[in-house]
């Protein structure tokens, strides 16, 4: 069930934080898709769900980014009642090869512990 305007106004900080967490989780989960069938343990290729949980577990709340203005969560319980369903990604994902701070932080995070 979506968040009503009255619920949002009553607990704005709570809902903003819950949506911020969800935004970051969805972002990390999409990033983890790039590692599918590329990360191995002693038992073979790691399932995508395991990779996603490992990466999500390493993110600190102080590193969360704010969702962009037009973001709509995949989780219906965190959508506002005036929001539509999120648009599906169409076509191939385009990766910009610029070196940003988030890439450096991500590489540092991965290199902290090689026991994936």
PDB file of N, CA and C in Angstrom:
ATOM      1  N   UNK A   1       0.837  -1.173   0.000  1.00  0.00           N
ATOM      2  CA  UNK A   1       0.000   0.000   0.000  1.00  0.00           C
ATOM      3  C   UNK A   1       0.886   1.242   0.000  1.00  0.00           C
ATOM      4  N   UNK A   2       0.544   2.186  -0.822  1.00  0.00           N
ATOM      5  CA  UNK A   2       1.342   3.394  -0.988  1.00  0.00           C
ATOM      6  C   UNK A   2       1.200   4.332   0.214  1.00  0.00           C
ATOM      7  N   UNK A   3       2.134   5.244   0.319  1.00  0.00           N
ATOM      8  CA  UNK A   3       2.149   6.233   1.391  1.00  0.00           C
ATOM      9  C   UNK A   3       1.208   7.379   1.004  1.00  0.00           C
ATOM     10  N   UNK A   4       0.275   7.685   1.861  1.00  0.00           N
ATOM     11  CA  UNK A   4      -0.641   8.793   1.585  1.00  0.00           C
ATOM     12  C   UNK A   4       0.025  10.114   1.935  1.00  0.00           C
ATOM     13  N   UNK A   5      -0.560  11.188   1.424  1.00  0.00           N
ATOM     14  CA  UNK A   5      -0.014  12.520   1.707  1.00  0.00           C
ATOM     15  C   UNK A   5      -0.061  12.816   3.208  1.00  0.00           C
ATOM     16  N   UNK A   6      -1.135  12.403   3.870  1.00  0.00           N
ATOM     17  CA  UNK A   6      -1.264  12.631   5.316  1.00  0.00           C
ATOM     18  C   UNK A   6      -0.206  11.854   6.091  1.00  0.00           C
ATOM     19  N   UNK A   7       0.024  10.596   5.709  1.00  0.00           N
ATOM     20  CA  UNK A   7       1.060   9.789   6.370  1.00  0.00           C
ATOM     21  C   UNK A   7       2.431  10.424   6.172  1.00  0.00           C
ATOM     22  N   UNK A   8       2.688  10.882   4.951  1.00  0.00           N
ATOM     23  CA  UNK A   8       3.983  11.489   4.657  1.00  0.00           C
ATOM     24  C   UNK A   8       4.193  12.765   5.469  1.00  0.00           C
ATOM     25  N   UNK A   9       3.203  13.624   5.498  1.00  0.00           N
ATOM     26  CA  UNK A   9       3.338  14.879   6.237  1.00  0.00           C
ATOM     27  C   UNK A   9       3.480  14.635   7.737  1.00  0.00           C
ATOM     28  N   UNK A  10       2.821  13.587   8.242  1.00  0.00           N
ATOM     29  CA  UNK A  10       2.885  13.266   9.667  1.00  0.00           C
ATOM     30  C   UNK A  10       4.271  12.761  10.074  1.00  0.00           C
ATOM     31  N   UNK A  11       4.925  11.976   9.188  1.00  0.00           N
ATOM     32  CA  UNK A  11       6.235  11.377   9.513  1.00  0.00           C
ATOM     33  C   UNK A  11       7.212  11.575   8.356  1.00  0.00           C
ATOM     34  N   UNK A  12       7.377  12.818   7.941  1.00  0.00           N
ATOM     35  CA  UNK A  12       8.200  13.152   6.770  1.00  0.00           C
ATOM     36  C   UNK A  12       9.628  12.618   6.883  1.00  0.00           C
ATOM     37  N   UNK A  13      10.294  12.851   8.008  1.00  0.00           N
ATOM     38  CA  UNK A  13      11.686  12.421   8.163  1.00  0.00           C
ATOM     39  C   UNK A  13      11.811  10.900   8.058  1.00  0.00           C
ATOM     40  N   UNK A  14      10.876  10.200   8.668  1.00  0.00           N
ATOM     41  CA  UNK A  14      10.885   8.732   8.627  1.00  0.00           C
ATOM     42  C   UNK A  14      10.775   8.231   7.187  1.00  0.00           C
ATOM     43  N   UNK A  15       9.776   8.722   6.456  1.00  0.00           N
ATOM     44  CA  UNK A  15       9.565   8.248   5.080  1.00  0.00           C
ATOM     45  C   UNK A  15      10.711   8.675   4.167  1.00  0.00           C
ATOM     46  N   UNK A  16      11.252   9.867   4.361  1.00  0.00           N
ATOM     47  CA  UNK A  16      12.398  10.303   3.553  1.00  0.00           C
ATOM     48  C   UNK A  16      13.585   9.366   3.764  1.00  0.00           C
ATOM     49  N   UNK A  17      13.820   8.986   5.017  1.00  0.00           N
ATOM     50  CA  UNK A  17      14.945   8.097   5.300  1.00  0.00           C
ATOM     51  C   UNK A  17      14.698   6.693   4.730  1.00  0.00           C
ATOM     52  N   UNK A  18      13.472   6.176   4.889  1.00  0.00           N
ATOM     53  CA  UNK A  18      13.161   4.843   4.354  1.00  0.00           C
ATOM     54  C   UNK A  18      13.334   4.813   2.839  1.00  0.00           C
ATOM     55  N   UNK A  19      12.923   5.852   2.172  1.00  0.00           N
ATOM     56  CA  UNK A  19      13.070   5.921   0.712  1.00  0.00           C
ATOM     57  C   UNK A  19      14.548   6.081   0.320  1.00  0.00           C
ATOM     58  N   UNK A  20      15.296   6.810   1.132  1.00  0.00           N
ATOM     59  CA  UNK A  20      16.731   6.968   0.871  1.00  0.00           C
ATOM     60  C   UNK A  20      17.439   5.611   0.973  1.00  0.00           C
ATOM     61  N   UNK A  21      17.111   4.840   1.995  1.00  0.00           N
ATOM     62  CA  UNK A  21      17.691   3.502   2.154  1.00  0.00           C
ATOM     63  C   UNK A  21      17.332   2.634   0.950  1.00  0.00           C
ATOM     64  N   UNK A  22      16.065   2.655   0.550  1.00  0.00           N
ATOM     65  CA  UNK A  22      15.621   1.845  -0.576  1.00  0.00           C
ATOM     66  C   UNK A  22      16.313   2.252  -1.872  1.00  0.00           C
ATOM     67  N   UNK A  23      16.485   3.549  -2.083  1.00  0.00           N
ATOM     68  CA  UNK A  23      17.182   4.039  -3.275  1.00  0.00           C
ATOM     69  C   UNK A  23      18.601   3.482  -3.338  1.00  0.00           C
ATOM     70  N   UNK A  24      19.303   3.555  -2.228  1.00  0.00           N
ATOM     71  CA  UNK A  24      20.678   3.068  -2.197  1.00  0.00           C
ATOM     72  C   UNK A  24      20.734   1.557  -2.358  1.00  0.00           C
ATOM     73  N   UNK A  25      19.797   0.846  -1.778  1.00  0.00           N
ATOM     74  CA  UNK A  25      19.756  -0.609  -1.907  1.00  0.00           C
ATOM     75  C   UNK A  25      19.507  -1.012  -3.359  1.00  0.00           C
ATOM     76  N   UNK A  26      18.558  -0.366  -4.009  1.00  0.00           N
ATOM     77  CA  UNK A  26      18.285  -0.659  -5.412  1.00  0.00           C
ATOM     78  C   UNK A  26      19.500  -0.354  -6.280  1.00  0.00           C
ATOM     79  N   UNK A  27      20.199   0.732  -5.970  1.00  0.00           N
ATOM     80  CA  UNK A  27      21.396   1.103  -6.721  1.00  0.00           C
ATOM     81  C   UNK A  27      22.488   0.043  -6.567  1.00  0.00           C
ATOM     82  N   UNK A  28      22.736  -0.399  -5.350  1.00  0.00           N
ATOM     83  CA  UNK A  28      23.750  -1.422  -5.096  1.00  0.00           C
ATOM     84  C   UNK A  28      23.367  -2.734  -5.762  1.00  0.00           C
ATOM     85  N   UNK A  29      22.095  -3.103  -5.680  1.00  0.00           N
ATOM     86  CA  UNK A  29      21.646  -4.351  -6.294  1.00  0.00           C
ATOM     87  C   UNK A  29      21.837  -4.310  -7.806  1.00  0.00           C
ATOM     88  N   UNK A  30      21.583  -3.156  -8.429  1.00  0.00           N
ATOM     89  CA  UNK A  30      21.812  -3.048  -9.880  1.00  0.00           C
ATOM     90  C   UNK A  30      23.305  -3.137 -10.195  1.00  0.00           C
ATOM     91  N   UNK A  31      24.129  -2.524  -9.354  1.00  0.00           N
ATOM     92  CA  UNK A  31      25.585  -2.608  -9.557  1.00  0.00           C
ATOM     93  C   UNK A  31      26.057  -4.058  -9.459  1.00  0.00           C
ATOM     94  N   UNK A  32      25.495  -4.796  -8.526  1.00  0.00           N
ATOM     95  CA  UNK A  32      25.898  -6.187  -8.303  1.00  0.00           C
ATOM     96  C   UNK A  32      25.602  -7.059  -9.518  1.00  0.00           C
ATOM     97  N   UNK A  33      24.620  -6.677 -10.315  1.00  0.00           N
ATOM     98  CA  UNK A  33      24.284  -7.453 -11.512  1.00  0.00           C
ATOM     99  C   UNK A  33      25.481  -7.554 -12.454  1.00  0.00           C
ATOM    100  N   UNK A  34      26.372  -6.576 -12.411  1.00  0.00           N
ATOM    101  CA  UNK A  34      27.566  -6.597 -13.257  1.00  0.00           C
ATOM    102  C   UNK A  34      28.525  -7.716 -12.852  1.00  0.00           C
ATOM    103  N   UNK A  35      28.394  -8.225 -11.629  1.00  0.00           N
ATOM    104  CA  UNK A  35      29.286  -9.261 -11.133  1.00  0.00           C
ATOM    105  C   UNK A  35      28.722 -10.669 -11.301  1.00  0.00           C
ATOM    106  N   UNK A  36      27.504 -10.768 -11.797  1.00  0.00           N
ATOM    107  CA  UNK A  36      26.882 -12.085 -11.953  1.00  0.00           C
ATOM    108  C   UNK A  36      27.742 -12.951 -12.870  1.00  0.00           C
ATOM    109  N   UNK A  37      28.008 -14.171 -12.425  1.00  0.00           N
ATOM    110  CA  UNK A  37      28.847 -15.155 -13.125  1.00  0.00           C
ATOM    111  C   UNK A  37      30.293 -14.694 -13.283  1.00  0.00           C
ATOM    112  N   UNK A  38      30.725 -13.753 -12.468  1.00  0.00           N
ATOM    113  CA  UNK A  38      32.114 -13.286 -12.504  1.00  0.00           C
ATOM    114  C   UNK A  38      32.808 -13.461 -11.151  1.00  0.00           C
ATOM    115  N   UNK A  39      32.039 -13.761 -10.100  1.00  0.00           N
ATOM    116  CA  UNK A  39      32.593 -13.921  -8.761  1.00  0.00           C
ATOM    117  C   UNK A  39      32.414 -15.371  -8.357  1.00  0.00           C
ATOM    118  N   UNK A  40      33.516 -15.969  -7.913  1.00  0.00           N
ATOM    119  CA  UNK A  40      33.504 -17.394  -7.585  1.00  0.00           C
ATOM    120  C   UNK A  40      33.947 -17.625  -6.152  1.00  0.00           C
ATOM    121  N   UNK A  41      33.395 -18.654  -5.557  1.00  0.00           N
ATOM    122  CA  UNK A  41      33.841 -19.128  -4.259  1.00  0.00           C
ATOM    123  C   UNK A  41      34.431 -20.517  -4.479  1.00  0.00           C
ATOM    124  N   UNK A  42      34.711 -21.214  -3.409  1.00  0.00           N
ATOM    125  CA  UNK A  42      35.234 -22.577  -3.525  1.00  0.00           C
ATOM    126  C   UNK A  42      34.232 -23.519  -4.179  1.00  0.00           C
ATOM    127  N   UNK A  43      32.984 -23.116  -4.223  1.00  0.00           N
ATOM    128  CA  UNK A  43      31.920 -23.972  -4.735  1.00  0.00           C
ATOM    129  C   UNK A  43      31.429 -23.563  -6.115  1.00  0.00           C
ATOM    130  N   UNK A  44      32.107 -22.638  -6.763  1.00  0.00           N
ATOM    131  CA  UNK A  44      31.707 -22.191  -8.098  1.00  0.00           C
ATOM    132  C   UNK A  44      31.199 -20.758  -8.077  1.00  0.00           C
ATOM    133  N   UNK A  45      30.477 -20.417  -9.124  1.00  0.00           N
ATOM    134  CA  UNK A  45      29.959 -19.051  -9.256  1.00  0.00           C
ATOM    135  C   UNK A  45      28.992 -18.742  -8.121  1.00  0.00           C
ATOM    136  N   UNK A  46      29.141 -17.547  -7.561  1.00  0.00           N
ATOM    137  CA  UNK A  46      28.261 -17.135  -6.465  1.00  0.00           C
ATOM    138  C   UNK A  46      26.931 -16.669  -7.039  1.00  0.00           C
ATOM    139  N   UNK A  47      25.842 -17.040  -6.390  1.00  0.00           N
ATOM    140  CA  UNK A  47      24.532 -16.547  -6.834  1.00  0.00           C
ATOM    141  C   UNK A  47      24.446 -15.031  -6.711  1.00  0.00           C
ATOM    142  N   UNK A  48      23.725 -14.421  -7.624  1.00  0.00           N
ATOM    143  CA  UNK A  48      23.575 -12.970  -7.632  1.00  0.00           C
ATOM    144  C   UNK A  48      23.045 -12.453  -6.300  1.00  0.00           C
ATOM    145  N   UNK A  49      22.109 -13.166  -5.704  1.00  0.00           N
ATOM    146  CA  UNK A  49      21.524 -12.716  -4.434  1.00  0.00           C
ATOM    147  C   UNK A  49      22.587 -12.622  -3.340  1.00  0.00           C
ATOM    148  N   UNK A  50      23.528 -13.550  -3.328  1.00  0.00           N
ATOM    149  CA  UNK A  50      24.607 -13.510  -2.331  1.00  0.00           C
ATOM    150  C   UNK A  50      25.511 -12.303  -2.555  1.00  0.00           C
ATOM    151  N   UNK A  51      25.834 -12.036  -3.806  1.00  0.00           N
ATOM    152  CA  UNK A  51      26.688 -10.892  -4.130  1.00  0.00           C
ATOM    153  C   UNK A  51      25.990  -9.602  -3.702  1.00  0.00           C
ATOM    154  N   UNK A  52      24.702  -9.507  -3.996  1.00  0.00           N
ATOM    155  CA  UNK A  52      23.948  -8.309  -3.636  1.00  0.00           C
ATOM    156  C   UNK A  52      23.946  -8.100  -2.125  1.00  0.00           C
ATOM    157  N   UNK A  53      23.715  -9.144  -1.368  1.00  0.00           N
ATOM    158  CA  UNK A  53      23.665  -9.028   0.088  1.00  0.00           C
ATOM    159  C   UNK A  53      25.036  -8.688   0.681  1.00  0.00           C
ATOM    160  N   UNK A  54      26.096  -9.265   0.108  1.00  0.00           N
ATOM    161  CA  UNK A  54      27.448  -8.959   0.587  1.00  0.00           C
ATOM    162  C   UNK A  54      27.756  -7.475   0.370  1.00  0.00           C
ATOM    163  N   UNK A  55      27.488  -6.986  -0.845  1.00  0.00           N
ATOM    164  CA  UNK A  55      27.778  -5.584  -1.134  1.00  0.00           C
ATOM    165  C   UNK A  55      26.904  -4.647  -0.296  1.00  0.00           C
ATOM    166  N   UNK A  56      25.625  -4.968  -0.175  1.00  0.00           N
ATOM    167  CA  UNK A  56      24.727  -4.119   0.607  1.00  0.00           C
ATOM    168  C   UNK A  56      25.153  -4.088   2.072  1.00  0.00           C
ATOM    169  N   UNK A  57      25.628  -5.200   2.580  1.00  0.00           N
ATOM    170  CA  UNK A  57      26.061  -5.268   3.971  1.00  0.00           C
ATOM    171  C   UNK A  57      27.291  -4.432   4.272  1.00  0.00           C
ATOM    172  N   UNK A  58      28.022  -4.037   3.259  1.00  0.00           N
ATOM    173  CA  UNK A  58      29.234  -3.243   3.450  1.00  0.00           C
ATOM    174  C   UNK A  58      28.996  -1.734   3.353  1.00  0.00           C
ATOM    175  N   UNK A  59      27.812  -1.340   2.974  1.00  0.00           N
ATOM    176  CA  UNK A  59      27.517   0.083   2.825  1.00  0.00           C
ATOM    177  C   UNK A  59      27.132   0.666   4.179  1.00  0.00           C
ATOM    178  N   UNK A  60      27.770   1.781   4.519  1.00  0.00           N
ATOM    179  CA  UNK A  60      27.480   2.458   5.784  1.00  0.00           C
ATOM    180  C   UNK A  60      26.401   3.512   5.544  1.00  0.00           C
ATOM    181  N   UNK A  61      25.559   3.711   6.528  1.00  0.00           N
ATOM    182  CA  UNK A  61      24.449   4.661   6.364  1.00  0.00           C
ATOM    183  C   UNK A  61      24.935   6.088   6.090  1.00  0.00           C
ATOM    184  N   UNK A  62      26.106   6.433   6.594  1.00  0.00           N
ATOM    185  CA  UNK A  62      26.611   7.789   6.322  1.00  0.00           C
ATOM    186  C   UNK A  62      27.049   7.966   4.867  1.00  0.00           C
ATOM    187  N   UNK A  63      27.173   6.851   4.139  1.00  0.00           N
ATOM    188  CA  UNK A  63      27.547   6.911   2.722  1.00  0.00           C
ATOM    189  C   UNK A  63      26.345   6.929   1.789  1.00  0.00           C
ATOM    190  N   UNK A  64      25.143   6.853   2.336  1.00  0.00           N
ATOM    191  CA  UNK A  64      23.941   6.857   1.498  1.00  0.00           C
ATOM    192  C   UNK A  64      23.853   8.149   0.701  1.00  0.00           C
ATOM    193  N   UNK A  65      23.394   8.008  -0.531  1.00  0.00           N
ATOM    194  CA  UNK A  65      23.148   9.164  -1.379  1.00  0.00           C
ATOM    195  C   UNK A  65      21.653   9.448  -1.395  1.00  0.00           C
ATOM    196  N   UNK A  66      21.310  10.712  -1.585  1.00  0.00           N
ATOM    197  CA  UNK A  66      19.896  11.079  -1.678  1.00  0.00           C
ATOM    198  C   UNK A  66      19.357  10.656  -3.039  1.00  0.00           C
ATOM    199  N   UNK A  67      18.127  10.154  -3.064  1.00  0.00           N
ATOM    200  CA  UNK A  67      17.539   9.787  -4.356  1.00  0.00           C
ATOM    201  C   UNK A  67      17.294  11.030  -5.207  1.00  0.00           C
ATOM    202  N   UNK A  68      17.398  10.852  -6.523  1.00  0.00           N
ATOM    203  CA  UNK A  68      17.123  11.990  -7.397  1.00  0.00           C
ATOM    204  C   UNK A  68      15.627  12.288  -7.404  1.00  0.00           C
ATOM    205  N   UNK A  69      15.272  13.443  -7.853  1.00  0.00           N
ATOM    206  CA  UNK A  69      13.920  13.973  -7.747  1.00  0.00           C
ATOM    207  C   UNK A  69      12.856  13.065  -8.388  1.00  0.00           C
ATOM    208  N   UNK A  70      13.157  12.450  -9.493  1.00  0.00           N
ATOM    209  CA  UNK A  70      12.161  11.666 -10.228  1.00  0.00           C
ATOM    210  C   UNK A  70      12.192  10.177  -9.908  1.00  0.00           C
ATOM    211  N   UNK A  71      12.977   9.773  -8.922  1.00  0.00           N
ATOM    212  CA  UNK A  71      13.092   8.350  -8.586  1.00  0.00           C
ATOM    213  C   UNK A  71      11.797   7.846  -7.961  1.00  0.00           C
ATOM    214  N   UNK A  72      11.399   6.631  -8.387  1.00  0.00           N
ATOM    215  CA  UNK A  72      10.217   5.963  -7.833  1.00  0.00           C
ATOM    216  C   UNK A  72      10.674   4.591  -7.353  1.00  0.00           C
ATOM    217  N   UNK A  73      10.453   4.251  -6.088  1.00  0.00           N
ATOM    218  CA  UNK A  73      10.927   2.961  -5.574  1.00  0.00           C
ATOM    219  C   UNK A  73      10.197   1.775  -6.200  1.00  0.00           C
ATOM    220  N   UNK A  74      10.924   0.672  -6.331  1.00  0.00           N
ATOM    221  CA  UNK A  74      10.319  -0.561  -6.821  1.00  0.00           C
ATOM    222  C   UNK A  74       9.362  -1.136  -5.781  1.00  0.00           C
ATOM    223  N   UNK A  75       9.661  -0.939  -4.508  1.00  0.00           N
ATOM    224  CA  UNK A  75       8.822  -1.423  -3.412  1.00  0.00           C
ATOM    225  C   UNK A  75       7.576  -0.545  -3.304  1.00  0.00           C
ATOM    226  N   UNK A  76       6.419  -1.149  -3.570  1.00  0.00           N
ATOM    227  CA  UNK A  76       5.165  -0.397  -3.572  1.00  0.00           C
ATOM    228  C   UNK A  76       4.857   0.257  -2.227  1.00  0.00           C
ATOM    229  N   UNK A  77       5.294  -0.362  -1.127  1.00  0.00           N
ATOM    230  CA  UNK A  77       4.988   0.186   0.198  1.00  0.00           C
ATOM    231  C   UNK A  77       5.747   1.481   0.478  1.00  0.00           C
ATOM    232  N   UNK A  78       6.744   1.804  -0.340  1.00  0.00           N
ATOM    233  CA  UNK A  78       7.509   3.041  -0.149  1.00  0.00           C
ATOM    234  C   UNK A  78       7.185   4.093  -1.205  1.00  0.00           C
ATOM    235  N   UNK A  79       6.226   3.800  -2.068  1.00  0.00           N
ATOM    236  CA  UNK A  79       5.798   4.777  -3.070  1.00  0.00           C
ATOM    237  C   UNK A  79       4.744   5.693  -2.471  1.00  0.00           C
ATOM    238  N   UNK A  80       4.740   6.924  -2.948  1.00  0.00           N
ATOM    239  CA  UNK A  80       3.676   7.842  -2.587  1.00  0.00           C
ATOM    240  C   UNK A  80       2.453   7.479  -3.411  1.00  0.00           C
ATOM    241  N   UNK A  81       1.266   7.745  -2.878  1.00  0.00           N
ATOM    242  CA  UNK A  81       0.054   7.363  -3.602  1.00  0.00           C
ATOM    243  C   UNK A  81      -0.127   8.159  -4.892  1.00  0.00           C
ATOM    244  N   UNK A  82       0.621   9.236  -5.069  1.00  0.00           N
ATOM    245  CA  UNK A  82       0.537  10.022  -6.305  1.00  0.00           C
ATOM    246  C   UNK A  82       1.614   9.615  -7.325  1.00  0.00           C
ATOM    247  N   UNK A  83       2.426   8.613  -6.991  1.00  0.00           N
ATOM    248  CA  UNK A  83       3.456   8.151  -7.918  1.00  0.00           C
ATOM    249  C   UNK A  83       2.967   6.958  -8.731  1.00  0.00           C
ATOM    250  N   UNK A  84       3.407   6.904  -9.974  1.00  0.00           N
ATOM    251  CA  UNK A  84       3.114   5.757 -10.822  1.00  0.00           C
ATOM    252  C   UNK A  84       4.125   4.658 -10.550  1.00  0.00           C
ATOM    253  N   UNK A  85       4.009   3.565 -11.285  1.00  0.00           N
ATOM    254  CA  UNK A  85       5.001   2.498 -11.194  1.00  0.00           C
ATOM    255  C   UNK A  85       6.302   3.006 -11.795  1.00  0.00           C
ATOM    256  N   UNK A  86       7.447   2.484 -11.306  1.00  0.00           N
ATOM    257  CA  UNK A  86       8.716   2.915 -11.908  1.00  0.00           C
ATOM    258  C   UNK A  86       8.795   2.430 -13.356  1.00  0.00           C
ATOM    259  N   UNK A  87       9.423   3.229 -14.178  1.00  0.00           N
ATOM    260  CA  UNK A  87       9.584   2.857 -15.584  1.00  0.00           C
ATOM    261  C   UNK A  87      10.626   1.759 -15.701  1.00  0.00           C
ATOM    262  N   UNK A  88      10.360   0.816 -16.582  1.00  0.00           N
ATOM    263  CA  UNK A  88      11.333  -0.252 -16.815  1.00  0.00           C
ATOM    264  C   UNK A  88      12.504   0.313 -17.602  1.00  0.00           C
ATOM    265  N   UNK A  89      13.667  -0.224 -17.298  1.00  0.00           N
ATOM    266  CA  UNK A  89      14.847   0.182 -18.063  1.00  0.00           C
ATOM    267  C   UNK A  89      14.746  -0.452 -19.438  1.00  0.00           C
ATOM    268  N   UNK A  90      14.905   0.351 -20.453  1.00  0.00           N
ATOM    269  CA  UNK A  90      14.824  -0.161 -21.816  1.00  0.00           C
ATOM    270  C   UNK A  90      16.206  -0.124 -22.434  1.00  0.00           C
ATOM    271  N   UNK A  91      16.469  -1.095 -23.264  1.00  0.00           N
ATOM    272  CA  UNK A  91      17.733  -1.118 -23.977  1.00  0.00           C
ATOM    273  C   UNK A  91      18.893  -1.534 -23.095  1.00  0.00           C
ATOM    274  N   UNK A  92      20.060  -1.385 -23.628  1.00  0.00           N
ATOM    275  CA  UNK A  92      21.277  -1.777 -22.942  1.00  0.00           C
ATOM    276  C   UNK A  92      21.696  -0.684 -21.960  1.00  0.00           C
ATOM    277  N   UNK A  93      22.164  -1.110 -20.802  1.00  0.00           N
ATOM    278  CA  UNK A  93      22.666  -0.184 -19.813  1.00  0.00           C
ATOM    279  C   UNK A  93      23.943   0.462 -20.328  1.00  0.00           C
ATOM    280  N   UNK A  94      24.010   1.781 -20.299  1.00  0.00           N
ATOM    281  CA  UNK A  94      25.180   2.510 -20.755  1.00  0.00           C
ATOM    282  C   UNK A  94      26.026   2.847 -19.544  1.00  0.00           C
ATOM    283  N   UNK A  95      27.307   2.484 -19.598  1.00  0.00           N
ATOM    284  CA  UNK A  95      28.220   2.757 -18.506  1.00  0.00           C
ATOM    285  C   UNK A  95      29.209   3.823 -18.955  1.00  0.00           C
ATOM    286  N   UNK A  96      29.233   4.925 -18.221  1.00  0.00           N
ATOM    287  CA  UNK A  96      30.165   6.003 -18.521  1.00  0.00           C
ATOM    288  C   UNK A  96      31.495   5.642 -17.884  1.00  0.00           C
ATOM    289  N   UNK A  97      32.563   5.765 -18.637  1.00  0.00           N
ATOM    290  CA  UNK A  97      33.874   5.348 -18.161  1.00  0.00           C
ATOM    291  C   UNK A  97      34.639   6.452 -17.435  1.00  0.00           C
ATOM    292  N   UNK A  98      33.951   7.482 -16.988  1.00  0.00           N
ATOM    293  CA  UNK A  98      34.602   8.536 -16.222  1.00  0.00           C
ATOM    294  C   UNK A  98      34.909   8.031 -14.820  1.00  0.00           C
ATOM    295  N   UNK A  99      35.942   8.538 -14.237  1.00  0.00           N
ATOM    296  CA  UNK A  99      36.348   8.111 -12.899  1.00  0.00           C
ATOM    297  C   UNK A  99      35.747   9.060 -11.878  1.00  0.00           C
ATOM    298  N   UNK A 100      34.741   8.595 -11.194  1.00  0.00           N
ATOM    299  CA  UNK A 100      34.070   9.412 -10.185  1.00  0.00           C
ATOM    300  C   UNK A 100      34.444   8.937  -8.791  1.00  0.00           C
ATOM    301  N   UNK A 101      34.088   9.731  -7.806  1.00  0.00           N
ATOM    302  CA  UNK A 101      34.354   9.371  -6.417  1.00  0.00           C
ATOM    303  C   UNK A 101      33.656   8.077  -6.038  1.00  0.00           C
ATOM    304  N   UNK A 102      32.429   7.864  -6.495  1.00  0.00           N
ATOM    305  CA  UNK A 102      31.709   6.642  -6.130  1.00  0.00           C
ATOM    306  C   UNK A 102      32.428   5.409  -6.652  1.00  0.00           C
ATOM    307  N   UNK A 103      33.082   5.511  -7.823  1.00  0.00           N
ATOM    308  CA  UNK A 103      33.818   4.368  -8.344  1.00  0.00           C
ATOM    309  C   UNK A 103      35.022   4.053  -7.458  1.00  0.00           C
ATOM    310  N   UNK A 104      35.720   5.094  -7.029  1.00  0.00           N
ATOM    311  CA  UNK A 104      36.869   4.886  -6.156  1.00  0.00           C
ATOM    312  C   UNK A 104      36.428   4.277  -4.828  1.00  0.00           C
ATOM    313  N   UNK A 105      35.313   4.789  -4.276  1.00  0.00           N
ATOM    314  CA  UNK A 105      34.780   4.237  -3.027  1.00  0.00           C
ATOM    315  C   UNK A 105      34.351   2.791  -3.209  1.00  0.00           C
ATOM    316  N   UNK A 106      33.745   2.492  -4.350  1.00  0.00           N
ATOM    317  CA  UNK A 106      33.282   1.134  -4.630  1.00  0.00           C
ATOM    318  C   UNK A 106      34.479   0.184  -4.731  1.00  0.00           C
ATOM    319  N   UNK A 107      35.522   0.588  -5.446  1.00  0.00           N
ATOM    320  CA  UNK A 107      36.722  -0.241  -5.572  1.00  0.00           C
ATOM    321  C   UNK A 107      37.382  -0.442  -4.208  1.00  0.00           C
ATOM    322  N   UNK A 108      37.432   0.602  -3.409  1.00  0.00           N
ATOM    323  CA  UNK A 108      37.999   0.500  -2.067  1.00  0.00           C
ATOM    324  C   UNK A 108      37.190  -0.494  -1.237  1.00  0.00           C
ATOM    325  N   UNK A 109      35.877  -0.425  -1.341  1.00  0.00           N
ATOM    326  CA  UNK A 109      34.993  -1.329  -0.621  1.00  0.00           C
ATOM    327  C   UNK A 109      35.239  -2.774  -1.026  1.00  0.00           C
ATOM    328  N   UNK A 110      35.371  -3.026  -2.294  1.00  0.00           N
ATOM    329  CA  UNK A 110      35.608  -4.381  -2.797  1.00  0.00           C
ATOM    330  C   UNK A 110      36.975  -4.888  -2.347  1.00  0.00           C
ATOM    331  N   UNK A 111      37.957  -4.012  -2.362  1.00  0.00           N
ATOM    332  CA  UNK A 111      39.320  -4.439  -2.037  1.00  0.00           C
ATOM    333  C   UNK A 111      39.577  -4.565  -0.544  1.00  0.00           C
ATOM    334  N   UNK A 112      38.642  -4.073   0.299  1.00  0.00           N
ATOM    335  CA  UNK A 112      38.821  -4.188   1.745  1.00  0.00           C
ATOM    336  C   UNK A 112      38.876  -5.629   2.204  1.00  0.00           C
ATOM    337  N   UNK A 113      38.092  -6.467   1.573  1.00  0.00           N
ATOM    338  CA  UNK A 113      38.027  -7.868   1.976  1.00  0.00           C
ATOM    339  C   UNK A 113      37.850  -8.720   0.732  1.00  0.00           C
ATOM    340  N   UNK A 114      38.821  -9.532   0.431  1.00  0.00           N
ATOM    341  CA  UNK A 114      38.769 -10.351  -0.782  1.00  0.00           C
ATOM    342  C   UNK A 114      38.066 -11.659  -0.573  1.00  0.00           C
ATOM    343  N   UNK A 115      37.399 -11.846   0.556  1.00  0.00           N
ATOM    344  CA  UNK A 115      36.725 -13.106   0.858  1.00  0.00           C
ATOM    345  C   UNK A 115      35.284 -13.100   0.392  1.00  0.00           C
ATOM    346  N   UNK A 116      35.042 -12.620  -0.817  1.00  0.00           N
ATOM    347  CA  UNK A 116      33.682 -12.648  -1.362  1.00  0.00           C
ATOM    348  C   UNK A 116      33.388 -14.086  -1.673  1.00  0.00           C
TER     349      UNK A 116
END
